[in-house]
Amino acid sequence: MERLIKDLDVENPEIVPLLVDQWGIIIDGKSRHAAVEALNSRSDGNKFPRVPVEIRTFSDNLERLRQLKLRNSYQVKTKMQQYIEAQLMLQIEKQEVERKKRRGEDTAIARHGRSIDRVAATVGTGRTTLQIGFNVVEAIQKEENADLAKKWSKLLEERTNKMAYDIIAGPDRRS
């Protein structure tokens, strides 16, 4: 984020348009939007009085999720972002399976394992590791203490999978 802010904090900055769906949800450009907000807060909103936006109408949520995944696949990601993207992949996978079931399509889905197994194979990890990662991300996102959540995010990036167990089962999480 700091690099993006620095890149945009020049005399005549160029900014790639944000991609927004018909409901105003940013599909591509969340970091650019946050950087613009930060720069505008420093300059009384004068740095970027207008931000270019492309509005795209999606026929359904699955199409929107696919575009979100595609747009985010080009970025270098932290482990937390990778787990969040894998969660998105799992959502898409499950919705595709449901759509095919509703249409009565004879698919090979049942013969190729569960959705989480296919997503795990796609991202190159095991199902258990992926599920633990999902649980860690959820714990970090739900943590009300911002400093603790930040520390956990850093641990997730720097440490082994054992650390993920420690985050999930920390002293205040054991029941």
N, C-alpha and C. Protein backbone atom coordinates (compact mmCIF):
# COMPACT_ATOMS: atom_id res chain seq x y z
N MET A 1 0.83 -1.19 0.00
CA MET A 1 0.00 0.00 0.00
C MET A 1 0.88 1.26 0.00
N GLU A 2 1.92 1.24 0.83
CA GLU A 2 2.80 2.41 0.89
C GLU A 2 3.46 2.67 -0.45
N ARG A 3 3.84 1.60 -1.15
CA ARG A 3 4.45 1.75 -2.47
C ARG A 3 3.46 2.38 -3.45
N LEU A 4 2.21 1.95 -3.40
CA LEU A 4 1.19 2.49 -4.28
C LEU A 4 0.92 3.96 -3.97
N ILE A 5 0.87 4.30 -2.70
CA ILE A 5 0.68 5.70 -2.31
C ILE A 5 1.83 6.55 -2.85
N LYS A 6 3.04 6.04 -2.71
CA LYS A 6 4.23 6.76 -3.20
C LYS A 6 4.16 6.92 -4.72
N ASP A 7 3.76 5.86 -5.43
CA ASP A 7 3.65 5.92 -6.89
C ASP A 7 2.61 6.94 -7.36
N LEU A 8 1.54 7.09 -6.58
CA LEU A 8 0.47 8.02 -6.97
C LEU A 8 0.69 9.44 -6.47
N ASP A 9 1.62 9.61 -5.54
CA ASP A 9 1.86 10.93 -4.96
C ASP A 9 2.91 11.68 -5.78
N VAL A 10 2.60 11.89 -7.06
CA VAL A 10 3.47 12.63 -7.98
C VAL A 10 2.68 13.77 -8.60
N GLU A 11 3.34 14.56 -9.42
CA GLU A 11 2.72 15.75 -10.00
C GLU A 11 1.44 15.45 -10.79
N ASN A 12 1.54 14.62 -11.80
CA ASN A 12 0.37 14.26 -12.62
C ASN A 12 0.18 12.75 -12.64
N PRO A 13 -0.36 12.21 -11.57
CA PRO A 13 -0.48 10.75 -11.48
C PRO A 13 -1.53 10.21 -12.44
N GLU A 14 -1.25 9.02 -12.94
CA GLU A 14 -2.24 8.31 -13.75
C GLU A 14 -2.74 7.14 -12.92
N ILE A 15 -4.03 6.96 -12.95
CA ILE A 15 -4.60 5.86 -12.18
C ILE A 15 -5.47 5.01 -13.10
N VAL A 16 -5.27 3.72 -13.02
CA VAL A 16 -6.07 2.77 -13.80
C VAL A 16 -7.48 2.79 -13.21
N PRO A 17 -8.51 2.80 -14.07
CA PRO A 17 -9.88 2.84 -13.55
C PRO A 17 -10.19 1.66 -12.62
N LEU A 18 -10.99 1.94 -11.62
CA LEU A 18 -11.49 0.89 -10.73
C LEU A 18 -12.59 0.15 -11.49
N LEU A 19 -12.70 -1.14 -11.29
CA LEU A 19 -13.81 -1.92 -11.85
C LEU A 19 -14.82 -2.12 -10.74
N VAL A 20 -16.04 -1.66 -10.99
CA VAL A 20 -17.10 -1.70 -9.98
C VAL A 20 -18.31 -2.41 -10.58
N ASP A 21 -18.98 -3.22 -9.75
CA ASP A 21 -20.17 -3.90 -10.26
C ASP A 21 -21.39 -2.98 -10.16
N GLN A 22 -22.52 -3.46 -10.60
CA GLN A 22 -23.74 -2.65 -10.65
C GLN A 22 -24.24 -2.22 -9.27
N TRP A 23 -23.71 -2.83 -8.23
CA TRP A 23 -24.11 -2.47 -6.86
C TRP A 23 -23.09 -1.58 -6.18
N GLY A 24 -22.04 -1.19 -6.92
CA GLY A 24 -21.02 -0.30 -6.36
C GLY A 24 -19.91 -1.02 -5.61
N ILE A 25 -19.85 -2.33 -5.73
CA ILE A 25 -18.80 -3.10 -5.06
C ILE A 25 -17.57 -3.13 -5.96
N ILE A 26 -16.43 -2.80 -5.38
CA ILE A 26 -15.18 -2.77 -6.16
C ILE A 26 -14.74 -4.20 -6.44
N ILE A 27 -14.62 -4.51 -7.72
CA ILE A 27 -14.16 -5.82 -8.16
C ILE A 27 -12.64 -5.80 -8.33
N ASP A 28 -12.13 -4.71 -8.88
CA ASP A 28 -10.70 -4.57 -9.11
C ASP A 28 -10.31 -3.13 -8.78
N GLY A 29 -9.36 -2.98 -7.85
CA GLY A 29 -8.87 -1.65 -7.52
C GLY A 29 -9.03 -1.25 -6.07
N LYS A 30 -9.24 -2.22 -5.19
CA LYS A 30 -9.41 -1.88 -3.77
C LYS A 30 -8.17 -1.19 -3.20
N SER A 31 -7.00 -1.64 -3.59
CA SER A 31 -5.77 -1.01 -3.10
C SER A 31 -5.62 0.39 -3.67
N ARG A 32 -5.94 0.56 -4.96
CA ARG A 32 -5.89 1.90 -5.56
C ARG A 32 -6.86 2.83 -4.86
N HIS A 33 -8.05 2.31 -4.59
CA HIS A 33 -9.06 3.13 -3.90
C HIS A 33 -8.56 3.56 -2.52
N ALA A 34 -7.98 2.61 -1.78
CA ALA A 34 -7.47 2.93 -0.44
C ALA A 34 -6.32 3.94 -0.52
N ALA A 35 -5.45 3.79 -1.53
CA ALA A 35 -4.34 4.74 -1.70
C ALA A 35 -4.86 6.14 -2.02
N VAL A 36 -5.86 6.21 -2.88
CA VAL A 36 -6.47 7.50 -3.23
C VAL A 36 -7.10 8.13 -1.99
N GLU A 37 -7.80 7.33 -1.19
CA GLU A 37 -8.41 7.83 0.04
C GLU A 37 -7.34 8.40 0.97
N ALA A 38 -6.23 7.68 1.10
CA ALA A 38 -5.14 8.14 1.97
C ALA A 38 -4.55 9.44 1.46
N LEU A 39 -4.30 9.52 0.16
CA LEU A 39 -3.74 10.75 -0.41
C LEU A 39 -4.72 11.91 -0.31
N ASN A 40 -5.99 11.65 -0.53
CA ASN A 40 -7.00 12.72 -0.42
C ASN A 40 -7.14 13.21 1.02
N SER A 41 -6.97 12.31 1.98
CA SER A 41 -7.07 12.76 3.38
C SER A 41 -5.92 13.68 3.75
N ARG A 42 -4.79 13.51 3.07
CA ARG A 42 -3.62 14.37 3.31
C ARG A 42 -3.76 15.72 2.61
N SER A 43 -4.55 15.77 1.54
CA SER A 43 -4.61 16.99 0.73
C SER A 43 -6.01 17.58 0.65
N ASP A 44 -6.81 17.37 1.67
CA ASP A 44 -8.18 17.88 1.72
C ASP A 44 -9.00 17.47 0.50
N GLY A 45 -8.74 16.29 -0.02
CA GLY A 45 -9.53 15.77 -1.14
C GLY A 45 -9.18 16.35 -2.49
N ASN A 46 -8.10 17.10 -2.57
CA ASN A 46 -7.76 17.77 -3.83
C ASN A 46 -6.87 16.93 -4.75
N LYS A 47 -6.19 15.95 -4.22
CA LYS A 47 -5.26 15.16 -5.03
C LYS A 47 -6.01 14.41 -6.14
N PHE A 48 -7.07 13.74 -5.76
CA PHE A 48 -7.89 12.99 -6.72
C PHE A 48 -9.35 13.39 -6.52
N PRO A 49 -9.76 14.53 -7.10
CA PRO A 49 -11.17 14.92 -6.94
C PRO A 49 -12.11 13.92 -7.61
N ARG A 50 -11.61 13.23 -8.65
CA ARG A 50 -12.38 12.19 -9.32
C ARG A 50 -11.47 11.01 -9.61
N VAL A 51 -12.02 9.83 -9.46
CA VAL A 51 -11.28 8.60 -9.74
C VAL A 51 -12.00 7.90 -10.89
N PRO A 52 -11.27 7.51 -11.94
CA PRO A 52 -11.94 6.82 -13.04
C PRO A 52 -12.50 5.47 -12.60
N VAL A 53 -13.72 5.20 -13.04
CA VAL A 53 -14.40 3.97 -12.66
C VAL A 53 -15.05 3.36 -13.90
N GLU A 54 -14.89 2.06 -14.04
CA GLU A 54 -15.61 1.31 -15.07
C GLU A 54 -16.69 0.51 -14.34
N ILE A 55 -17.93 0.73 -14.71
CA ILE A 55 -19.04 0.00 -14.09
C ILE A 55 -19.43 -1.15 -15.01
N ARG A 56 -19.43 -2.34 -14.46
CA ARG A 56 -19.79 -3.52 -15.25
C ARG A 56 -20.99 -4.20 -14.60
N THR A 57 -21.96 -4.56 -15.41
CA THR A 57 -23.13 -5.27 -14.93
C THR A 57 -22.90 -6.77 -15.11
N PHE A 58 -23.06 -7.51 -14.03
CA PHE A 58 -22.90 -8.96 -14.06
C PHE A 58 -24.27 -9.61 -13.98
N SER A 59 -24.46 -10.66 -14.76
CA SER A 59 -25.77 -11.31 -14.82
C SER A 59 -26.10 -12.06 -13.53
N ASP A 60 -25.06 -12.51 -12.83
CA ASP A 60 -25.30 -13.20 -11.56
C ASP A 60 -24.05 -13.15 -10.70
N ASN A 61 -24.19 -13.62 -9.48
CA ASN A 61 -23.08 -13.58 -8.52
C ASN A 61 -21.91 -14.43 -8.97
N LEU A 62 -22.18 -15.55 -9.60
CA LEU A 62 -21.11 -16.44 -10.04
C LEU A 62 -20.23 -15.73 -11.08
N GLU A 63 -20.84 -15.04 -12.02
CA GLU A 63 -20.07 -14.29 -13.02
C GLU A 63 -19.22 -13.21 -12.34
N ARG A 64 -19.80 -12.54 -11.34
CA ARG A 64 -19.08 -11.51 -10.60
C ARG A 64 -17.90 -12.11 -9.84
N LEU A 65 -18.10 -13.27 -9.19
CA LEU A 65 -17.03 -13.93 -8.45
C LEU A 65 -15.91 -14.38 -9.39
N ARG A 66 -16.27 -14.88 -10.56
CA ARG A 66 -15.24 -15.29 -11.53
C ARG A 66 -14.38 -14.09 -11.94
N GLN A 67 -15.01 -12.95 -12.20
CA GLN A 67 -14.26 -11.76 -12.59
C GLN A 67 -13.37 -11.28 -11.45
N LEU A 68 -13.89 -11.35 -10.22
CA LEU A 68 -13.11 -10.98 -9.05
C LEU A 68 -11.87 -11.86 -8.93
N LYS A 69 -12.06 -13.16 -9.10
CA LYS A 69 -10.93 -14.09 -9.03
C LYS A 69 -9.93 -13.81 -10.14
N LEU A 70 -10.42 -13.60 -11.35
CA LEU A 70 -9.52 -13.32 -12.47
C LEU A 70 -8.71 -12.06 -12.22
N ARG A 71 -9.35 -10.99 -11.81
CA ARG A 71 -8.66 -9.72 -11.60
C ARG A 71 -7.63 -9.82 -10.47
N ASN A 72 -7.92 -10.63 -9.48
CA ASN A 72 -7.01 -10.75 -8.35
C ASN A 72 -5.90 -11.77 -8.58
N SER A 73 -6.01 -12.55 -9.63
CA SER A 73 -5.00 -13.59 -9.87
C SER A 73 -3.68 -13.02 -10.35
N TYR A 74 -3.65 -11.76 -10.77
CA TYR A 74 -2.43 -11.17 -11.31
C TYR A 74 -1.53 -10.57 -10.24
N GLN A 75 -1.98 -10.50 -9.02
CA GLN A 75 -1.22 -9.82 -7.97
C GLN A 75 -0.33 -10.79 -7.20
N VAL A 76 0.78 -10.26 -6.69
CA VAL A 76 1.59 -11.01 -5.73
C VAL A 76 0.85 -10.91 -4.41
N LYS A 77 0.67 -12.04 -3.74
CA LYS A 77 -0.20 -12.05 -2.55
C LYS A 77 0.51 -12.54 -1.31
N THR A 78 0.01 -12.05 -0.18
CA THR A 78 0.45 -12.56 1.11
C THR A 78 -0.26 -13.91 1.33
N LYS A 79 0.17 -14.65 2.34
CA LYS A 79 -0.50 -15.92 2.65
C LYS A 79 -1.97 -15.67 2.99
N MET A 80 -2.23 -14.61 3.73
CA MET A 80 -3.62 -14.32 4.09
C MET A 80 -4.44 -14.06 2.82
N GLN A 81 -3.90 -13.29 1.89
CA GLN A 81 -4.60 -13.04 0.63
C GLN A 81 -4.79 -14.33 -0.16
N GLN A 82 -3.79 -15.21 -0.12
CA GLN A 82 -3.90 -16.48 -0.82
C GLN A 82 -5.04 -17.32 -0.24
N TYR A 83 -5.15 -17.33 1.08
CA TYR A 83 -6.25 -18.09 1.70
C TYR A 83 -7.60 -17.46 1.36
N ILE A 84 -7.66 -16.15 1.35
CA ILE A 84 -8.91 -15.48 1.01
C ILE A 84 -9.28 -15.79 -0.44
N GLU A 85 -8.29 -15.80 -1.33
CA GLU A 85 -8.55 -16.14 -2.73
C GLU A 85 -8.99 -17.60 -2.84
N ALA A 86 -8.39 -18.48 -2.06
CA ALA A 86 -8.80 -19.89 -2.08
C ALA A 86 -10.24 -20.02 -1.58
N GLN A 87 -10.63 -19.21 -0.60
CA GLN A 87 -12.02 -19.22 -0.14
C GLN A 87 -12.95 -18.79 -1.28
N LEU A 88 -12.53 -17.80 -2.04
CA LEU A 88 -13.29 -17.35 -3.19
C LEU A 88 -13.39 -18.47 -4.23
N MET A 89 -12.28 -19.15 -4.48
CA MET A 89 -12.29 -20.27 -5.42
C MET A 89 -13.26 -21.35 -4.95
N LEU A 90 -13.29 -21.60 -3.65
CA LEU A 90 -14.19 -22.61 -3.10
C LEU A 90 -15.65 -22.18 -3.27
N GLN A 91 -15.93 -20.91 -3.06
CA GLN A 91 -17.29 -20.39 -3.27
C GLN A 91 -17.71 -20.60 -4.72
N ILE A 92 -16.83 -20.25 -5.65
CA ILE A 92 -17.12 -20.40 -7.07
C ILE A 92 -17.36 -21.87 -7.40
N GLU A 93 -16.48 -22.71 -6.92
CA GLU A 93 -16.57 -24.15 -7.17
C GLU A 93 -17.92 -24.69 -6.68
N LYS A 94 -18.29 -24.32 -5.46
CA LYS A 94 -19.55 -24.82 -4.89
C LYS A 94 -20.75 -24.30 -5.68
N GLN A 95 -20.70 -23.03 -6.10
CA GLN A 95 -21.81 -22.48 -6.88
C GLN A 95 -21.91 -23.14 -8.25
N GLU A 96 -20.77 -23.44 -8.85
CA GLU A 96 -20.79 -24.13 -10.14
C GLU A 96 -21.38 -25.53 -10.00
N VAL A 97 -21.02 -26.23 -8.94
CA VAL A 97 -21.57 -27.56 -8.70
C VAL A 97 -23.08 -27.48 -8.52
N GLU A 98 -23.53 -26.52 -7.71
CA GLU A 98 -24.97 -26.36 -7.48
C GLU A 98 -25.71 -26.02 -8.77
N ARG A 99 -25.12 -25.15 -9.57
CA ARG A 99 -25.74 -24.77 -10.85
C ARG A 99 -25.89 -26.00 -11.75
N LYS A 100 -24.85 -26.81 -11.82
CA LYS A 100 -24.90 -28.00 -12.66
C LYS A 100 -25.92 -29.00 -12.12
N LYS A 101 -26.01 -29.12 -10.80
CA LYS A 101 -27.00 -30.02 -10.21
C LYS A 101 -28.42 -29.56 -10.54
N ARG A 102 -28.65 -28.25 -10.42
CA ARG A 102 -29.99 -27.70 -10.72
C ARG A 102 -30.37 -27.93 -12.17
N ARG A 103 -29.41 -27.87 -13.06
CA ARG A 103 -29.66 -28.08 -14.48
C ARG A 103 -29.79 -29.57 -14.82
N GLY A 104 -29.46 -30.40 -13.84
CA GLY A 104 -29.54 -31.84 -14.06
C GLY A 104 -28.44 -32.37 -14.96
N GLU A 105 -27.35 -31.63 -15.03
CA GLU A 105 -26.24 -32.04 -15.89
C GLU A 105 -25.52 -33.24 -15.28
N ASP A 106 -25.18 -34.17 -16.14
CA ASP A 106 -24.40 -35.32 -15.72
C ASP A 106 -22.94 -34.91 -15.78
N THR A 107 -22.36 -34.66 -14.63
CA THR A 107 -20.98 -34.18 -14.61
C THR A 107 -20.09 -35.19 -13.92
N ALA A 108 -18.81 -34.98 -14.07
CA ALA A 108 -17.83 -35.85 -13.43
C ALA A 108 -17.48 -35.33 -12.04
N ILE A 109 -18.19 -34.32 -11.57
CA ILE A 109 -17.87 -33.70 -10.28
C ILE A 109 -17.85 -34.72 -9.15
N ALA A 110 -18.86 -35.56 -9.09
CA ALA A 110 -18.94 -36.53 -8.00
C ALA A 110 -17.77 -37.51 -8.01
N ARG A 111 -17.23 -37.79 -9.18
CA ARG A 111 -16.13 -38.74 -9.29
C ARG A 111 -14.77 -38.13 -8.97
N HIS A 112 -14.69 -36.82 -8.88
CA HIS A 112 -13.40 -36.16 -8.70
C HIS A 112 -13.23 -35.53 -7.32
N GLY A 113 -13.96 -35.98 -6.35
CA GLY A 113 -13.76 -35.50 -4.99
C GLY A 113 -14.56 -34.26 -4.65
N ARG A 114 -14.41 -33.84 -3.42
CA ARG A 114 -15.14 -32.68 -2.91
C ARG A 114 -14.54 -31.39 -3.43
N SER A 115 -15.34 -30.34 -3.38
CA SER A 115 -14.90 -29.03 -3.86
C SER A 115 -13.61 -28.59 -3.17
N ILE A 116 -13.54 -28.77 -1.86
CA ILE A 116 -12.34 -28.31 -1.14
C ILE A 116 -11.10 -29.08 -1.59
N ASP A 117 -11.26 -30.35 -1.95
CA ASP A 117 -10.13 -31.13 -2.44
C ASP A 117 -9.63 -30.58 -3.78
N ARG A 118 -10.57 -30.21 -4.65
CA ARG A 118 -10.18 -29.67 -5.96
C ARG A 118 -9.51 -28.31 -5.81
N VAL A 119 -10.01 -27.47 -4.91
CA VAL A 119 -9.40 -26.16 -4.68
C VAL A 119 -8.01 -26.34 -4.07
N ALA A 120 -7.89 -27.24 -3.11
CA ALA A 120 -6.58 -27.50 -2.50
C ALA A 120 -5.57 -27.95 -3.55
N ALA A 121 -5.99 -28.83 -4.45
CA ALA A 121 -5.10 -29.29 -5.51
C ALA A 121 -4.71 -28.14 -6.43
N THR A 122 -5.65 -27.26 -6.71
CA THR A 122 -5.38 -26.11 -7.59
C THR A 122 -4.35 -25.17 -6.97
N VAL A 123 -4.46 -24.93 -5.67
CA VAL A 123 -3.52 -24.00 -5.02
C VAL A 123 -2.25 -24.71 -4.54
N GLY A 124 -2.21 -26.03 -4.68
CA GLY A 124 -0.99 -26.77 -4.36
C GLY A 124 -0.78 -27.03 -2.88
N THR A 125 -1.84 -27.34 -2.19
CA THR A 125 -1.73 -27.67 -0.78
C THR A 125 -2.71 -28.79 -0.45
N GLY A 126 -2.68 -29.26 0.78
CA GLY A 126 -3.61 -30.29 1.21
C GLY A 126 -4.90 -29.67 1.74
N ARG A 127 -5.93 -30.49 1.77
CA ARG A 127 -7.23 -30.02 2.26
C ARG A 127 -7.14 -29.55 3.71
N THR A 128 -6.43 -30.30 4.55
CA THR A 128 -6.32 -29.94 5.97
C THR A 128 -5.59 -28.61 6.14
N THR A 129 -4.50 -28.43 5.42
CA THR A 129 -3.75 -27.17 5.49
C THR A 129 -4.62 -26.01 5.04
N LEU A 130 -5.37 -26.22 3.97
CA LEU A 130 -6.26 -25.19 3.45
C LEU A 130 -7.34 -24.84 4.48
N GLN A 131 -7.95 -25.84 5.08
CA GLN A 131 -9.00 -25.59 6.08
C GLN A 131 -8.43 -24.87 7.29
N ILE A 132 -7.24 -25.24 7.72
CA ILE A 132 -6.60 -24.54 8.84
C ILE A 132 -6.37 -23.08 8.46
N GLY A 133 -5.88 -22.86 7.25
CA GLY A 133 -5.67 -21.49 6.77
C GLY A 133 -6.97 -20.69 6.78
N PHE A 134 -8.06 -21.30 6.34
CA PHE A 134 -9.36 -20.63 6.37
C PHE A 134 -9.73 -20.26 7.80
N ASN A 135 -9.50 -21.18 8.73
CA ASN A 135 -9.83 -20.92 10.14
C ASN A 135 -8.98 -19.80 10.72
N VAL A 136 -7.70 -19.76 10.35
CA VAL A 136 -6.81 -18.70 10.83
C VAL A 136 -7.27 -17.35 10.30
N VAL A 137 -7.56 -17.29 9.00
CA VAL A 137 -8.03 -16.04 8.41
C VAL A 137 -9.31 -15.57 9.11
N GLU A 138 -10.21 -16.49 9.36
CA GLU A 138 -11.45 -16.14 10.05
C GLU A 138 -11.17 -15.61 11.46
N ALA A 139 -10.24 -16.25 12.17
CA ALA A 139 -9.89 -15.80 13.51
C ALA A 139 -9.28 -14.40 13.47
N ILE A 140 -8.42 -14.15 12.50
CA ILE A 140 -7.79 -12.84 12.38
C ILE A 140 -8.84 -11.79 12.05
N GLN A 141 -9.73 -12.11 11.13
CA GLN A 141 -10.76 -11.15 10.73
C GLN A 141 -11.74 -10.85 11.85
N LYS A 142 -12.00 -11.83 12.71
CA LYS A 142 -12.95 -11.63 13.81
C LYS A 142 -12.32 -10.99 15.04
N GLU A 143 -10.98 -11.01 15.12
CA GLU A 143 -10.29 -10.49 16.30
C GLU A 143 -10.58 -9.00 16.46
N GLU A 144 -11.09 -8.63 17.63
CA GLU A 144 -11.45 -7.24 17.90
C GLU A 144 -10.25 -6.39 18.26
N ASN A 145 -9.20 -7.01 18.78
CA ASN A 145 -7.98 -6.28 19.13
C ASN A 145 -7.13 -6.13 17.87
N ALA A 146 -7.09 -4.93 17.30
CA ALA A 146 -6.40 -4.69 16.03
C ALA A 146 -4.91 -5.02 16.11
N ASP A 147 -4.27 -4.72 17.24
CA ASP A 147 -2.85 -5.02 17.38
C ASP A 147 -2.60 -6.53 17.35
N LEU A 148 -3.46 -7.28 18.04
CA LEU A 148 -3.33 -8.73 18.05
C LEU A 148 -3.58 -9.30 16.66
N ALA A 149 -4.59 -8.80 15.97
CA ALA A 149 -4.88 -9.27 14.62
C ALA A 149 -3.69 -8.99 13.69
N LYS A 150 -3.06 -7.85 13.85
CA LYS A 150 -1.89 -7.50 13.03
C LYS A 150 -0.73 -8.45 13.33
N LYS A 151 -0.52 -8.76 14.62
CA LYS A 151 0.54 -9.70 15.00
C LYS A 151 0.27 -11.08 14.42
N TRP A 152 -0.98 -11.53 14.49
CA TRP A 152 -1.33 -12.83 13.94
C TRP A 152 -1.11 -12.86 12.43
N SER A 153 -1.46 -11.78 11.75
CA SER A 153 -1.25 -11.71 10.30
C SER A 153 0.24 -11.83 9.99
N LYS A 154 1.06 -11.17 10.78
CA LYS A 154 2.50 -11.24 10.57
C LYS A 154 3.01 -12.66 10.82
N LEU A 155 2.51 -13.29 11.87
CA LEU A 155 2.90 -14.68 12.16
C LEU A 155 2.51 -15.61 11.02
N LEU A 156 1.34 -15.40 10.47
CA LEU A 156 0.87 -16.23 9.37
C LEU A 156 1.83 -16.12 8.19
N GLU A 157 2.35 -14.94 7.95
CA GLU A 157 3.27 -14.72 6.82
C GLU A 157 4.66 -15.31 7.07
N GLU A 158 5.11 -15.27 8.31
CA GLU A 158 6.50 -15.59 8.60
C GLU A 158 6.76 -16.98 9.16
N ARG A 159 5.75 -17.63 9.63
CA ARG A 159 5.96 -18.87 10.36
C ARG A 159 5.40 -20.08 9.65
N THR A 160 5.55 -21.22 10.31
CA THR A 160 5.09 -22.50 9.77
C THR A 160 3.61 -22.71 10.03
N ASN A 161 3.09 -23.82 9.51
CA ASN A 161 1.69 -24.16 9.74
C ASN A 161 1.41 -24.41 11.22
N LYS A 162 2.42 -24.82 11.97
CA LYS A 162 2.24 -25.02 13.42
C LYS A 162 1.75 -23.73 14.06
N MET A 163 2.25 -22.60 13.58
CA MET A 163 1.84 -21.32 14.13
C MET A 163 0.35 -21.09 13.91
N ALA A 164 -0.17 -21.59 12.78
CA ALA A 164 -1.60 -21.44 12.51
C ALA A 164 -2.42 -22.12 13.60
N TYR A 165 -1.99 -23.32 14.01
CA TYR A 165 -2.69 -24.00 15.10
C TYR A 165 -2.65 -23.15 16.37
N ASP A 166 -1.52 -22.53 16.64
CA ASP A 166 -1.39 -21.70 17.84
C ASP A 166 -2.31 -20.50 17.80
N ILE A 167 -2.49 -19.92 16.63
CA ILE A 167 -3.38 -18.77 16.49
C ILE A 167 -4.82 -19.20 16.76
N ILE A 168 -5.22 -20.30 16.15
CA ILE A 168 -6.60 -20.78 16.32
C ILE A 168 -6.87 -21.21 17.76
N ALA A 169 -5.91 -21.89 18.38
CA ALA A 169 -6.14 -22.46 19.70
C ALA A 169 -5.41 -21.68 20.79
N GLY A 170 -5.23 -20.38 20.59
CA GLY A 170 -4.58 -19.55 21.59
C GLY A 170 -5.27 -19.66 22.94
N PRO A 171 -4.65 -19.15 24.00
CA PRO A 171 -5.18 -19.32 25.35
C PRO A 171 -6.62 -18.85 25.50
N ASP A 172 -6.98 -17.78 24.81
CA ASP A 172 -8.34 -17.26 24.97
C ASP A 172 -9.31 -17.95 24.00
N ARG A 173 -8.84 -18.89 23.19
CA ARG A 173 -9.69 -19.58 22.23
C ARG A 173 -9.99 -21.01 22.67
N ARG A 174 -9.26 -21.53 23.63
CA ARG A 174 -9.48 -22.91 24.07
C ARG A 174 -10.76 -22.98 24.89
N SER A 175 -11.55 -23.97 24.56
CA SER A 175 -12.81 -24.12 25.29
C SER A 175 -12.86 -25.46 25.99
